[in-house]
Amino acid sequence: FSNYAMTWYRQGPGKGRERVAAINIYSAVRTY
């Protein structure tokens, strides 16, 4: 797990999957 950035996605009713938030390997960068 520690080799990769991690991203949360979501898919609402009738919608495509979208990116919600991302975090890099050592939590130095977060995007929303």
PDB file of all heavy atoms in Angstrom:
ATOM      1  N   PHE A   1       0.814  -1.207   0.000  1.00  0.00           N
ATOM      2  CA  PHE A   1       0.000   0.000   0.000  1.00  0.00           C
ATOM      3  C   PHE A   1       0.852   1.263   0.000  1.00  0.00           C
ATOM      4  O   PHE A   1       0.491   2.271  -0.616  1.00  0.00           O
ATOM      5  CB  PHE A   1      -0.916  -0.046   1.224  1.00  0.00           C
ATOM      6  CG  PHE A   1      -1.860   1.107   1.356  1.00  0.00           C
ATOM      7  CD1 PHE A   1      -2.912   1.277   0.474  1.00  0.00           C
ATOM      8  CD2 PHE A   1      -1.715   2.015   2.392  1.00  0.00           C
ATOM      9  CE1 PHE A   1      -3.795   2.329   0.610  1.00  0.00           C
ATOM     10  CE2 PHE A   1      -2.599   3.067   2.544  1.00  0.00           C
ATOM     11  CZ  PHE A   1      -3.639   3.223   1.649  1.00  0.00           C
ATOM     12  N   SER A   2       1.976   1.216   0.673  1.00  0.00           N
ATOM     13  CA  SER A   2       2.819   2.395   0.831  1.00  0.00           C
ATOM     14  C   SER A   2       3.573   2.784  -0.439  1.00  0.00           C
ATOM     15  O   SER A   2       4.256   3.809  -0.446  1.00  0.00           O
ATOM     16  CB  SER A   2       3.814   2.192   1.975  1.00  0.00           C
ATOM     17  OG  SER A   2       4.732   1.152   1.683  1.00  0.00           O
ATOM     18  N   ASN A   3       3.452   2.016  -1.503  1.00  0.00           N
ATOM     19  CA  ASN A   3       4.108   2.339  -2.767  1.00  0.00           C
ATOM     20  C   ASN A   3       3.263   3.211  -3.687  1.00  0.00           C
ATOM     21  O   ASN A   3       3.732   3.614  -4.746  1.00  0.00           O
ATOM     22  CB  ASN A   3       4.478   1.064  -3.525  1.00  0.00           C
ATOM     23  CG  ASN A   3       5.733   0.414  -2.998  1.00  0.00           C
ATOM     24  OD1 ASN A   3       6.458   0.988  -2.190  1.00  0.00           O
ATOM     25  ND2 ASN A   3       5.995  -0.810  -3.455  1.00  0.00           N
ATOM     26  N   TYR A   4       2.034   3.516  -3.289  1.00  0.00           N
ATOM     27  CA  TYR A   4       1.098   4.159  -4.196  1.00  0.00           C
ATOM     28  C   TYR A   4       0.369   5.328  -3.568  1.00  0.00           C
ATOM     29  O   TYR A   4       0.102   5.350  -2.367  1.00  0.00           O
ATOM     30  CB  TYR A   4       0.053   3.145  -4.679  1.00  0.00           C
ATOM     31  CG  TYR A   4       0.635   1.937  -5.345  1.00  0.00           C
ATOM     32  CD1 TYR A   4       0.815   0.762  -4.627  1.00  0.00           C
ATOM     33  CD2 TYR A   4       0.996   1.974  -6.680  1.00  0.00           C
ATOM     34  CE1 TYR A   4       1.359  -0.357  -5.239  1.00  0.00           C
ATOM     35  CE2 TYR A   4       1.541   0.865  -7.296  1.00  0.00           C
ATOM     36  CZ  TYR A   4       1.718  -0.300  -6.572  1.00  0.00           C
ATOM     37  OH  TYR A   4       2.257  -1.405  -7.179  1.00  0.00           O
ATOM     38  N   ALA A   5       0.017   6.283  -4.417  1.00  0.00           N
ATOM     39  CA  ALA A   5      -0.940   7.296  -4.029  1.00  0.00           C
ATOM     40  C   ALA A   5      -2.320   6.660  -3.933  1.00  0.00           C
ATOM     41  O   ALA A   5      -2.586   5.633  -4.559  1.00  0.00           O
ATOM     42  CB  ALA A   5      -0.958   8.434  -5.051  1.00  0.00           C
ATOM     43  N   MET A   6      -3.199   7.271  -3.151  1.00  0.00           N
ATOM     44  CA  MET A   6      -4.524   6.728  -2.936  1.00  0.00           C
ATOM     45  C   MET A   6      -5.570   7.775  -3.287  1.00  0.00           C
ATOM     46  O   MET A   6      -5.384   8.958  -3.004  1.00  0.00           O
ATOM     47  CB  MET A   6      -4.664   6.279  -1.474  1.00  0.00           C
ATOM     48  CG  MET A   6      -5.994   5.625  -1.130  1.00  0.00           C
ATOM     49  SD  MET A   6      -7.199   6.869  -0.610  1.00  0.00           S
ATOM     50  CE  MET A   6      -8.703   5.895  -0.733  1.00  0.00           C
ATOM     51  N   THR A   7      -6.656   7.326  -3.903  1.00  0.00           N
ATOM     52  CA  THR A   7      -7.718   8.235  -4.312  1.00  0.00           C
ATOM     53  C   THR A   7      -9.072   7.681  -3.897  1.00  0.00           C
ATOM     54  O   THR A   7      -9.319   6.478  -4.026  1.00  0.00           O
ATOM     55  CB  THR A   7      -7.707   8.448  -5.839  1.00  0.00           C
ATOM     56  OG1 THR A   7      -6.431   8.950  -6.246  1.00  0.00           O
ATOM     57  CG2 THR A   7      -8.779   9.449  -6.255  1.00  0.00           C
ATOM     58  N   TRP A   8      -9.926   8.552  -3.402  1.00  0.00           N
ATOM     59  CA  TRP A   8     -11.330   8.229  -3.189  1.00  0.00           C
ATOM     60  C   TRP A   8     -12.128   8.696  -4.400  1.00  0.00           C
ATOM     61  O   TRP A   8     -11.938   9.809  -4.889  1.00  0.00           O
ATOM     62  CB  TRP A   8     -11.879   8.904  -1.935  1.00  0.00           C
ATOM     63  CG  TRP A   8     -11.499   8.235  -0.657  1.00  0.00           C
ATOM     64  CD1 TRP A   8     -10.478   8.568   0.176  1.00  0.00           C
ATOM     65  CD2 TRP A   8     -12.162   7.120  -0.051  1.00  0.00           C
ATOM     66  NE1 TRP A   8     -10.460   7.727   1.260  1.00  0.00           N
ATOM     67  CE2 TRP A   8     -11.480   6.828   1.148  1.00  0.00           C
ATOM     68  CE3 TRP A   8     -13.272   6.334  -0.402  1.00  0.00           C
ATOM     69  CZ2 TRP A   8     -11.865   5.781   1.997  1.00  0.00           C
ATOM     70  CZ3 TRP A   8     -13.650   5.292   0.435  1.00  0.00           C
ATOM     71  CH2 TRP A   8     -12.943   5.039   1.621  1.00  0.00           C
ATOM     72  N   TYR A   9     -13.038   7.841  -4.850  1.00  0.00           N
ATOM     73  CA  TYR A   9     -13.939   8.137  -5.944  1.00  0.00           C
ATOM     74  C   TYR A   9     -15.376   7.965  -5.455  1.00  0.00           C
ATOM     75  O   TYR A   9     -15.620   7.348  -4.419  1.00  0.00           O
ATOM     76  CB  TYR A   9     -13.721   7.187  -7.118  1.00  0.00           C
ATOM     77  CG  TYR A   9     -12.343   7.208  -7.720  1.00  0.00           C
ATOM     78  CD1 TYR A   9     -11.296   6.511  -7.128  1.00  0.00           C
ATOM     79  CD2 TYR A   9     -12.090   7.901  -8.902  1.00  0.00           C
ATOM     80  CE1 TYR A   9     -10.034   6.509  -7.693  1.00  0.00           C
ATOM     81  CE2 TYR A   9     -10.828   7.902  -9.468  1.00  0.00           C
ATOM     82  CZ  TYR A   9      -9.803   7.203  -8.868  1.00  0.00           C
ATOM     83  OH  TYR A   9      -8.550   7.202  -9.430  1.00  0.00           O
ATOM     84  N   ARG A  10     -16.311   8.474  -6.217  1.00  0.00           N
ATOM     85  CA  ARG A  10     -17.712   8.218  -5.921  1.00  0.00           C
ATOM     86  C   ARG A  10     -18.517   8.171  -7.208  1.00  0.00           C
ATOM     87  O   ARG A  10     -18.119   8.748  -8.225  1.00  0.00           O
ATOM     88  CB  ARG A  10     -18.294   9.276  -4.981  1.00  0.00           C
ATOM     89  CG  ARG A  10     -18.445  10.666  -5.581  1.00  0.00           C
ATOM     90  CD  ARG A  10     -18.939  11.645  -4.527  1.00  0.00           C
ATOM     91  NE  ARG A  10     -19.143  12.975  -5.073  1.00  0.00           N
ATOM     92  CZ  ARG A  10     -19.465  14.038  -4.349  1.00  0.00           C
ATOM     93  NH1 ARG A  10     -19.617  13.922  -3.024  1.00  0.00           N
ATOM     94  NH2 ARG A  10     -19.637  15.225  -4.925  1.00  0.00           N
ATOM     95  N   GLN A  11     -19.628   7.470  -7.131  1.00  0.00           N
ATOM     96  CA  GLN A  11     -20.535   7.375  -8.260  1.00  0.00           C
ATOM     97  C   GLN A  11     -21.964   7.546  -7.745  1.00  0.00           C
ATOM     98  O   GLN A  11     -22.480   6.678  -7.036  1.00  0.00           O
ATOM     99  CB  GLN A  11     -20.389   6.042  -8.987  1.00  0.00           C
ATOM    100  CG  GLN A  11     -21.221   5.949 -10.247  1.00  0.00           C
ATOM    101  CD  GLN A  11     -20.855   4.751 -11.103  1.00  0.00           C
ATOM    102  OE1 GLN A  11     -20.195   3.819 -10.639  1.00  0.00           O
ATOM    103  NE2 GLN A  11     -21.283   4.764 -12.351  1.00  0.00           N
ATOM    104  N   GLY A  12     -22.580   8.658  -8.082  1.00  0.00           N
ATOM    105  CA  GLY A  12     -23.941   8.931  -7.675  1.00  0.00           C
ATOM    106  C   GLY A  12     -24.936   8.310  -8.629  1.00  0.00           C
ATOM    107  O   GLY A  12     -24.579   7.816  -9.703  1.00  0.00           O
ATOM    108  N   PRO A  13     -26.221   8.331  -8.261  1.00  0.00           N
ATOM    109  CA  PRO A  13     -27.264   7.754  -9.120  1.00  0.00           C
ATOM    110  C   PRO A  13     -27.276   8.403 -10.496  1.00  0.00           C
ATOM    111  O   PRO A  13     -27.354   9.628 -10.619  1.00  0.00           O
ATOM    112  CB  PRO A  13     -28.554   8.067  -8.354  1.00  0.00           C
ATOM    113  CG  PRO A  13     -28.120   8.251  -6.931  1.00  0.00           C
ATOM    114  CD  PRO A  13     -26.775   8.894  -7.023  1.00  0.00           C
ATOM    115  N   GLY A  14     -27.166   7.586 -11.523  1.00  0.00           N
ATOM    116  CA  GLY A  14     -27.196   8.092 -12.883  1.00  0.00           C
ATOM    117  C   GLY A  14     -25.975   8.887 -13.297  1.00  0.00           C
ATOM    118  O   GLY A  14     -26.008   9.571 -14.331  1.00  0.00           O
ATOM    119  N   LYS A  15     -24.919   8.808 -12.522  1.00  0.00           N
ATOM    120  CA  LYS A  15     -23.712   9.570 -12.813  1.00  0.00           C
ATOM    121  C   LYS A  15     -22.523   8.649 -13.008  1.00  0.00           C
ATOM    122  O   LYS A  15     -22.520   7.494 -12.584  1.00  0.00           O
ATOM    123  CB  LYS A  15     -23.413  10.549 -11.672  1.00  0.00           C
ATOM    124  CG  LYS A  15     -24.512  11.554 -11.383  1.00  0.00           C
ATOM    125  CD  LYS A  15     -24.107  12.471 -10.243  1.00  0.00           C
ATOM    126  CE  LYS A  15     -25.218  13.447  -9.896  1.00  0.00           C
ATOM    127  NZ  LYS A  15     -25.507  14.365 -11.026  1.00  0.00           N
ATOM    128  N   GLY A  16     -21.494   9.171 -13.643  1.00  0.00           N
ATOM    129  CA  GLY A  16     -20.257   8.433 -13.780  1.00  0.00           C
ATOM    130  C   GLY A  16     -19.410   8.533 -12.520  1.00  0.00           C
ATOM    131  O   GLY A  16     -19.688   9.310 -11.610  1.00  0.00           O
ATOM    132  N   ARG A  17     -18.378   7.751 -12.477  1.00  0.00           N
ATOM    133  CA  ARG A  17     -17.476   7.784 -11.341  1.00  0.00           C
ATOM    134  C   ARG A  17     -16.619   9.048 -11.394  1.00  0.00           C
ATOM    135  O   ARG A  17     -16.072   9.399 -12.440  1.00  0.00           O
ATOM    136  CB  ARG A  17     -16.589   6.538 -11.340  1.00  0.00           C
ATOM    137  CG  ARG A  17     -15.682   6.408 -10.138  1.00  0.00           C
ATOM    138  CD  ARG A  17     -14.903   5.090 -10.171  1.00  0.00           C
ATOM    139  NE  ARG A  17     -15.748   3.948  -9.819  1.00  0.00           N
ATOM    140  CZ  ARG A  17     -16.115   2.998 -10.663  1.00  0.00           C
ATOM    141  NH1 ARG A  17     -15.719   3.039 -11.928  1.00  0.00           N
ATOM    142  NH2 ARG A  17     -16.872   2.000 -10.244  1.00  0.00           N
ATOM    143  N   GLU A  18     -16.517   9.745 -10.276  1.00  0.00           N
ATOM    144  CA  GLU A  18     -15.735  10.968 -10.212  1.00  0.00           C
ATOM    145  C   GLU A  18     -14.745  10.909  -9.065  1.00  0.00           C
ATOM    146  O   GLU A  18     -14.976  10.251  -8.054  1.00  0.00           O
ATOM    147  CB  GLU A  18     -16.645  12.190 -10.048  1.00  0.00           C
ATOM    148  CG  GLU A  18     -17.445  12.206  -8.758  1.00  0.00           C
ATOM    149  CD  GLU A  18     -18.283  13.462  -8.593  1.00  0.00           C
ATOM    150  OE1 GLU A  18     -18.016  14.460  -9.290  1.00  0.00           O
ATOM    151  OE2 GLU A  18     -19.210  13.444  -7.754  1.00  0.00           O
ATOM    152  N   ARG A  19     -13.651  11.609  -9.228  1.00  0.00           N
ATOM    153  CA  ARG A  19     -12.641  11.692  -8.188  1.00  0.00           C
ATOM    154  C   ARG A  19     -13.100  12.642  -7.097  1.00  0.00           C
ATOM    155  O   ARG A  19     -13.600  13.728  -7.378  1.00  0.00           O
ATOM    156  CB  ARG A  19     -11.317  12.162  -8.768  1.00  0.00           C
ATOM    157  CG  ARG A  19     -10.725  11.226  -9.806  1.00  0.00           C
ATOM    158  CD  ARG A  19      -9.509  11.832 -10.463  1.00  0.00           C
ATOM    159  NE  ARG A  19      -8.396  11.926  -9.523  1.00  0.00           N
ATOM    160  CZ  ARG A  19      -7.273  12.565  -9.794  1.00  0.00           C
ATOM    161  NH1 ARG A  19      -7.111  13.168 -10.971  1.00  0.00           N
ATOM    162  NH2 ARG A  19      -6.300  12.601  -8.888  1.00  0.00           N
ATOM    163  N   VAL A  20     -12.927  12.245  -5.861  1.00  0.00           N
ATOM    164  CA  VAL A  20     -13.314  13.052  -4.714  1.00  0.00           C
ATOM    165  C   VAL A  20     -12.101  13.680  -4.048  1.00  0.00           C
ATOM    166  O   VAL A  20     -12.070  14.880  -3.772  1.00  0.00           O
ATOM    167  CB  VAL A  20     -14.102  12.222  -3.689  1.00  0.00           C
ATOM    168  CG1 VAL A  20     -14.447  13.060  -2.462  1.00  0.00           C
ATOM    169  CG2 VAL A  20     -15.369  11.654  -4.329  1.00  0.00           C
ATOM    170  N   ALA A  21     -11.097  12.862  -3.765  1.00  0.00           N
ATOM    171  CA  ALA A  21      -9.910  13.333  -3.065  1.00  0.00           C
ATOM    172  C   ALA A  21      -8.762  12.381  -3.321  1.00  0.00           C
ATOM    173  O   ALA A  21      -8.973  11.197  -3.575  1.00  0.00           O
ATOM    174  CB  ALA A  21     -10.175  13.445  -1.555  1.00  0.00           C
ATOM    175  N   ALA A  22      -7.551  12.892  -3.239  1.00  0.00           N
ATOM    176  CA  ALA A  22      -6.356  12.076  -3.440  1.00  0.00           C
ATOM    177  C   ALA A  22      -5.295  12.463  -2.430  1.00  0.00           C
ATOM    178  O   ALA A  22      -5.239  13.607  -1.968  1.00  0.00           O
ATOM    179  CB  ALA A  22      -5.822  12.240  -4.859  1.00  0.00           C
ATOM    180  N   ILE A  23      -4.438  11.502  -2.105  1.00  0.00           N
ATOM    181  CA  ILE A  23      -3.352  11.733  -1.172  1.00  0.00           C
ATOM    182  C   ILE A  23      -2.130  10.978  -1.658  1.00  0.00           C
ATOM    183  O   ILE A  23      -2.233   9.841  -2.115  1.00  0.00           O
ATOM    184  CB  ILE A  23      -3.769  11.296   0.259  1.00  0.00           C
ATOM    185  CG1 ILE A  23      -2.698  11.654   1.282  1.00  0.00           C
ATOM    186  CG2 ILE A  23      -4.107   9.815   0.300  1.00  0.00           C
ATOM    187  CD1 ILE A  23      -3.195  11.505   2.726  1.00  0.00           C
ATOM    188  N   ASN A  24      -0.975  11.611  -1.588  1.00  0.00           N
ATOM    189  CA  ASN A  24       0.219  10.936  -2.059  1.00  0.00           C
ATOM    190  C   ASN A  24       0.772   9.995  -0.997  1.00  0.00           C
ATOM    191  O   ASN A  24       0.216   9.856   0.091  1.00  0.00           O
ATOM    192  CB  ASN A  24       1.261  11.941  -2.571  1.00  0.00           C
ATOM    193  CG  ASN A  24       1.961  12.715  -1.468  1.00  0.00           C
ATOM    194  OD1 ASN A  24       1.570  12.686  -0.310  1.00  0.00           O
ATOM    195  ND2 ASN A  24       3.020  13.419  -1.854  1.00  0.00           N
ATOM    196  N   ILE A  25       1.873   9.343  -1.321  1.00  0.00           N
ATOM    197  CA  ILE A  25       2.360   8.231  -0.506  1.00  0.00           C
ATOM    198  C   ILE A  25       2.603   8.596   0.944  1.00  0.00           C
ATOM    199  O   ILE A  25       2.212   7.850   1.861  1.00  0.00           O
ATOM    200  CB  ILE A  25       3.647   7.648  -1.129  1.00  0.00           C
ATOM    201  CG1 ILE A  25       3.326   6.965  -2.459  1.00  0.00           C
ATOM    202  CG2 ILE A  25       4.313   6.662  -0.172  1.00  0.00           C
ATOM    203  CD1 ILE A  25       4.551   6.518  -3.225  1.00  0.00           C
ATOM    204  N   TYR A  26       3.221   9.737   1.165  1.00  0.00           N
ATOM    205  CA  TYR A  26       3.579  10.126   2.528  1.00  0.00           C
ATOM    206  C   TYR A  26       2.733  11.276   3.067  1.00  0.00           C
ATOM    207  O   TYR A  26       3.137  11.972   3.992  1.00  0.00           O
ATOM    208  CB  TYR A  26       5.065  10.465   2.588  1.00  0.00           C
ATOM    209  CG  TYR A  26       5.931   9.275   2.294  1.00  0.00           C
ATOM    210  CD1 TYR A  26       6.654   9.186   1.103  1.00  0.00           C
ATOM    211  CD2 TYR A  26       5.999   8.214   3.192  1.00  0.00           C
ATOM    212  CE1 TYR A  26       7.421   8.075   0.829  1.00  0.00           C
ATOM    213  CE2 TYR A  26       6.768   7.095   2.918  1.00  0.00           C
ATOM    214  CZ  TYR A  26       7.475   7.040   1.734  1.00  0.00           C
ATOM    215  OH  TYR A  26       8.246   5.926   1.460  1.00  0.00           O
ATOM    216  N   SER A  27       1.580  11.476   2.491  1.00  0.00           N
ATOM    217  CA  SER A  27       0.602  12.454   2.959  1.00  0.00           C
ATOM    218  C   SER A  27       1.093  13.892   2.851  1.00  0.00           C
ATOM    219  O   SER A  27       0.549  14.778   3.521  1.00  0.00           O
ATOM    220  CB  SER A  27       0.182  12.150   4.403  1.00  0.00           C
ATOM    221  OG  SER A  27      -0.333  10.844   4.517  1.00  0.00           O
ATOM    222  N   ALA A  28       2.084  14.137   2.020  1.00  0.00           N
ATOM    223  CA  ALA A  28       2.600  15.486   1.849  1.00  0.00           C
ATOM    224  C   ALA A  28       1.701  16.348   0.970  1.00  0.00           C
ATOM    225  O   ALA A  28       1.735  17.572   1.062  1.00  0.00           O
ATOM    226  CB  ALA A  28       4.004  15.438   1.262  1.00  0.00           C
ATOM    227  N   VAL A  29       0.911  15.713   0.115  1.00  0.00           N
ATOM    228  CA  VAL A  29       0.047  16.430  -0.807  1.00  0.00           C
ATOM    229  C   VAL A  29      -1.347  15.838  -0.755  1.00  0.00           C
ATOM    230  O   VAL A  29      -1.512  14.619  -0.802  1.00  0.00           O
ATOM    231  CB  VAL A  29       0.571  16.365  -2.258  1.00  0.00           C
ATOM    232  CG1 VAL A  29      -0.345  17.157  -3.188  1.00  0.00           C
ATOM    233  CG2 VAL A  29       1.996  16.898  -2.341  1.00  0.00           C
ATOM    234  N   ARG A  30      -2.341  16.703  -0.665  1.00  0.00           N
ATOM    235  CA  ARG A  30      -3.742  16.294  -0.706  1.00  0.00           C
ATOM    236  C   ARG A  30      -4.455  17.162  -1.729  1.00  0.00           C
ATOM    237  O   ARG A  30      -4.222  18.365  -1.807  1.00  0.00           O
ATOM    238  CB  ARG A  30      -4.414  16.465   0.656  1.00  0.00           C
ATOM    239  CG  ARG A  30      -3.881  15.551   1.753  1.00  0.00           C
ATOM    240  CD  ARG A  30      -4.518  15.915   3.079  1.00  0.00           C
ATOM    241  NE  ARG A  30      -4.258  14.929   4.124  1.00  0.00           N
ATOM    242  CZ  ARG A  30      -3.203  14.955   4.935  1.00  0.00           C
ATOM    243  NH1 ARG A  30      -2.289  15.915   4.811  1.00  0.00           N
ATOM    244  NH2 ARG A  30      -3.063  14.014   5.867  1.00  0.00           N
ATOM    245  N   THR A  31      -5.335  16.556  -2.499  1.00  0.00           N
ATOM    246  CA  THR A  31      -6.142  17.296  -3.450  1.00  0.00           C
ATOM    247  C   THR A  31      -7.599  16.913  -3.278  1.00  0.00           C
ATOM    248  O   THR A  31      -7.919  15.795  -2.882  1.00  0.00           O
ATOM    249  CB  THR A  31      -5.710  17.045  -4.903  1.00  0.00           C
ATOM    250  OG1 THR A  31      -5.906  15.666  -5.240  1.00  0.00           O
ATOM    251  CG2 THR A  31      -4.241  17.398  -5.109  1.00  0.00           C
ATOM    252  N   TYR A  32      -8.490  17.864  -3.611  1.00  0.00           N
ATOM    253  CA  TYR A  32      -9.914  17.658  -3.438  1.00  0.00           C
ATOM    254  C   TYR A  32     -10.669  18.187  -4.644  1.00  0.00           C
ATOM    255  O   TYR A  32     -10.274  19.186  -5.254  1.00  0.00           O
ATOM    256  CB  TYR A  32     -10.418  18.370  -2.182  1.00  0.00           C
ATOM    257  CG  TYR A  32      -9.750  17.918  -0.914  1.00  0.00           C
ATOM    258  CD1 TYR A  32      -8.667  18.613  -0.385  1.00  0.00           C
ATOM    259  CD2 TYR A  32     -10.202  16.790  -0.243  1.00  0.00           C
ATOM    260  CE1 TYR A  32      -8.043  18.199   0.772  1.00  0.00           C
ATOM    261  CE2 TYR A  32      -9.580  16.366   0.920  1.00  0.00           C
ATOM    262  CZ  TYR A  32      -8.502  17.065   1.429  1.00  0.00           C
ATOM    263  OH  TYR A  32      -7.898  16.636   2.581  1.00  0.00           O
TER     264      TYR A  32
END
